[in-house]
Amino acid sequence: MQQEKRYSEMTHQELWQEIATLQEKARKAEQLGMVNEFAVLERKVQMARAYLSDPGQFEPGEIYEIEGAPGEYFKIDYINGVFAWGYRLNGSGKDEALPISMLKWLR
């Protein structure tokens, strides 16, 4: 049995192929009304996209909008790999990590 590669081990081409496959599976899950499966697949797409993003483009101390959550903003404390650690503005103030692919520049 072949073990799957981690996203961090994949090339950009492999990541794009994985994203296309996951999006197709998510589309089918949505059509079949499999809400939980759809949510898991969408999260996997965000993770794969994070590995296509450049962590150097995200600055600690800056505020970003959270993709898929209009009106919600995230302030980065630090970057660790493809995750931005910080907190949601107008949230509980608890530290959390988001894949950098979920963050959009406000500018």
C-alpha atoms as a PDB file:
ATOM      1  CA  MET A   1       0.000   0.000   0.000  1.00  0.00           C
ATOM      2  CA  GLN A   2       1.411   3.370  -1.047  1.00  0.00           C
ATOM      3  CA  GLN A   3       1.624   6.051   1.617  1.00  0.00           C
ATOM      4  CA  GLU A   4       0.422   9.494   0.560  1.00  0.00           C
ATOM      5  CA  LYS A   5       2.880  12.368   0.387  1.00  0.00           C
ATOM      6  CA  ARG A   6       2.583  15.240   2.807  1.00  0.00           C
ATOM      7  CA  TYR A   7       1.702  18.590   1.270  1.00  0.00           C
ATOM      8  CA  SER A   8       5.096  19.900   2.367  1.00  0.00           C
ATOM      9  CA  GLU A   9       6.769  17.219   0.216  1.00  0.00           C
ATOM     10  CA  MET A  10       4.715  17.927  -2.925  1.00  0.00           C
ATOM     11  CA  THR A  11       5.796  20.022  -5.897  1.00  0.00           C
ATOM     12  CA  HIS A  12       3.653  22.962  -7.012  1.00  0.00           C
ATOM     13  CA  GLN A  13       2.291  20.834  -9.849  1.00  0.00           C
ATOM     14  CA  GLU A  14       1.358  18.028  -7.445  1.00  0.00           C
ATOM     15  CA  LEU A  15      -0.317  20.532  -5.116  1.00  0.00           C
ATOM     16  CA  TRP A  16      -2.404  21.983  -7.971  1.00  0.00           C
ATOM     17  CA  GLN A  17      -3.451  18.441  -8.972  1.00  0.00           C
ATOM     18  CA  GLU A  18      -4.353  17.625  -5.367  1.00  0.00           C
ATOM     19  CA  ILE A  19      -6.426  20.817  -5.116  1.00  0.00           C
ATOM     20  CA  ALA A  20      -8.314  19.943  -8.322  1.00  0.00           C
ATOM     21  CA  THR A  21      -9.008  16.422  -7.034  1.00  0.00           C
ATOM     22  CA  LEU A  22     -10.174  17.684  -3.639  1.00  0.00           C
ATOM     23  CA  GLN A  23     -12.412  20.331  -5.226  1.00  0.00           C
ATOM     24  CA  GLU A  24     -14.059  17.678  -7.410  1.00  0.00           C
ATOM     25  CA  LYS A  25     -14.649  15.439  -4.385  1.00  0.00           C
ATOM     26  CA  ALA A  26     -16.032  18.432  -2.457  1.00  0.00           C
ATOM     27  CA  ARG A  27     -18.397  19.272  -5.321  1.00  0.00           C
ATOM     28  CA  LYS A  28     -19.722  15.695  -5.322  1.00  0.00           C
ATOM     29  CA  ALA A  29     -20.068  15.665  -1.523  1.00  0.00           C
ATOM     30  CA  GLU A  30     -22.015  18.932  -1.670  1.00  0.00           C
ATOM     31  CA  GLN A  31     -24.333  17.552  -4.357  1.00  0.00           C
ATOM     32  CA  LEU A  32     -24.975  14.463  -2.227  1.00  0.00           C
ATOM     33  CA  GLY A  33     -25.716  16.614   0.829  1.00  0.00           C
ATOM     34  CA  MET A  34     -22.705  15.310   2.754  1.00  0.00           C
ATOM     35  CA  VAL A  35     -22.119  18.522   4.702  1.00  0.00           C
ATOM     36  CA  ASN A  36     -19.400  17.207   7.020  1.00  0.00           C
ATOM     37  CA  GLU A  37     -17.449  15.579   4.186  1.00  0.00           C
ATOM     38  CA  PHE A  38     -17.714  18.803   2.175  1.00  0.00           C
ATOM     39  CA  ALA A  39     -16.325  20.840   5.100  1.00  0.00           C
ATOM     40  CA  VAL A  40     -13.382  18.457   5.589  1.00  0.00           C
ATOM     41  CA  LEU A  41     -12.501  18.562   1.888  1.00  0.00           C
ATOM     42  CA  GLU A  42     -12.733  22.364   1.784  1.00  0.00           C
ATOM     43  CA  ARG A  43     -10.336  22.561   4.748  1.00  0.00           C
ATOM     44  CA  LYS A  44      -7.913  20.238   2.929  1.00  0.00           C
ATOM     45  CA  VAL A  45      -8.056  22.540  -0.101  1.00  0.00           C
ATOM     46  CA  GLN A  46      -7.141  25.499   2.143  1.00  0.00           C
ATOM     47  CA  MET A  47      -4.208  23.548   3.583  1.00  0.00           C
ATOM     48  CA  ALA A  48      -2.899  22.595   0.123  1.00  0.00           C
ATOM     49  CA  ARG A  49      -3.237  26.227  -0.988  1.00  0.00           C
ATOM     50  CA  ALA A  50      -1.235  27.321   2.052  1.00  0.00           C
ATOM     51  CA  TYR A  51       1.740  25.360   0.716  1.00  0.00           C
ATOM     52  CA  LEU A  52       1.469  27.302  -2.556  1.00  0.00           C
ATOM     53  CA  SER A  53       1.572  30.610  -0.659  1.00  0.00           C
ATOM     54  CA  ASP A  54       4.703  32.492   0.358  1.00  0.00           C
ATOM     55  CA  PRO A  55       4.859  32.924   4.158  1.00  0.00           C
ATOM     56  CA  GLY A  56       7.213  35.868   3.601  1.00  0.00           C
ATOM     57  CA  GLN A  57       4.298  37.867   2.204  1.00  0.00           C
ATOM     58  CA  PHE A  58       2.579  37.908   5.607  1.00  0.00           C
ATOM     59  CA  GLU A  59       3.743  40.340   8.263  1.00  0.00           C
ATOM     60  CA  PRO A  60       3.440  39.950  12.037  1.00  0.00           C
ATOM     61  CA  GLY A  61       1.475  42.851  13.482  1.00  0.00           C
ATOM     62  CA  GLU A  62      -0.612  43.266  10.316  1.00  0.00           C
ATOM     63  CA  ILE A  63      -4.363  42.699  10.114  1.00  0.00           C
ATOM     64  CA  TYR A  64      -5.921  40.523   7.409  1.00  0.00           C
ATOM     65  CA  GLU A  65      -9.464  39.627   6.460  1.00  0.00           C
ATOM     66  CA  ILE A  66     -10.346  35.967   6.895  1.00  0.00           C
ATOM     67  CA  GLU A  67     -11.347  34.435   3.559  1.00  0.00           C
ATOM     68  CA  GLY A  68     -14.824  32.936   3.685  1.00  0.00           C
ATOM     69  CA  ALA A  69     -15.738  34.986   6.758  1.00  0.00           C
ATOM     70  CA  PRO A  70     -16.658  38.496   5.567  1.00  0.00           C
ATOM     71  CA  GLY A  71     -16.174  41.129   8.231  1.00  0.00           C
ATOM     72  CA  GLU A  72     -13.884  38.922  10.363  1.00  0.00           C
ATOM     73  CA  TYR A  73     -10.294  40.059  10.778  1.00  0.00           C
ATOM     74  CA  PHE A  74      -7.160  38.387  12.069  1.00  0.00           C
ATOM     75  CA  LYS A  75      -4.053  40.020  13.542  1.00  0.00           C
ATOM     76  CA  ILE A  76      -0.860  38.014  13.087  1.00  0.00           C
ATOM     77  CA  ASP A  77       1.520  37.657  16.034  1.00  0.00           C
ATOM     78  CA  TYR A  78       3.955  35.365  14.212  1.00  0.00           C
ATOM     79  CA  ILE A  79       4.301  32.948  11.294  1.00  0.00           C
ATOM     80  CA  ASN A  80       5.297  29.314  11.792  1.00  0.00           C
ATOM     81  CA  GLY A  81       5.599  27.436   8.497  1.00  0.00           C
ATOM     82  CA  VAL A  82       2.374  27.972   6.557  1.00  0.00           C
ATOM     83  CA  PHE A  83       0.383  28.945   9.648  1.00  0.00           C
ATOM     84  CA  ALA A  84      -0.267  32.434  10.940  1.00  0.00           C
ATOM     85  CA  TRP A  85      -0.602  32.552  14.713  1.00  0.00           C
ATOM     86  CA  GLY A  86      -2.579  35.377  16.255  1.00  0.00           C
ATOM     87  CA  TYR A  87      -6.117  36.269  17.200  1.00  0.00           C
ATOM     88  CA  ARG A  88      -9.394  37.366  15.668  1.00  0.00           C
ATOM     89  CA  LEU A  89     -10.328  40.981  16.206  1.00  0.00           C
ATOM     90  CA  ASN A  90     -13.630  41.290  18.077  1.00  0.00           C
ATOM     91  CA  GLY A  91     -13.178  37.658  19.110  1.00  0.00           C
ATOM     92  CA  SER A  92     -12.335  36.008  22.389  1.00  0.00           C
ATOM     93  CA  GLY A  93      -8.710  37.136  22.142  1.00  0.00           C
ATOM     94  CA  LYS A  94      -7.494  33.533  22.285  1.00  0.00           C
ATOM     95  CA  ASP A  95      -4.474  32.621  20.185  1.00  0.00           C
ATOM     96  CA  GLU A  96      -5.204  30.429  17.192  1.00  0.00           C
ATOM     97  CA  ALA A  97      -3.478  29.345  14.011  1.00  0.00           C
ATOM     98  CA  LEU A  98      -4.898  29.777  10.521  1.00  0.00           C
ATOM     99  CA  PRO A  99      -3.415  28.543   7.252  1.00  0.00           C
ATOM    100  CA  ILE A 100      -1.971  31.591   5.479  1.00  0.00           C
ATOM    101  CA  SER A 101      -4.149  30.772   2.463  1.00  0.00           C
ATOM    102  CA  MET A 102      -7.174  31.898   4.490  1.00  0.00           C
ATOM    103  CA  LEU A 103      -5.857  35.444   4.924  1.00  0.00           C
ATOM    104  CA  LYS A 104      -6.456  38.320   2.507  1.00  0.00           C
ATOM    105  CA  TRP A 105      -4.716  41.704   2.463  1.00  0.00           C
ATOM    106  CA  LEU A 106      -6.930  44.607   3.441  1.00  0.00           C
ATOM    107  CA  ARG A 107      -5.110  47.007   1.126  1.00  0.00           C
END
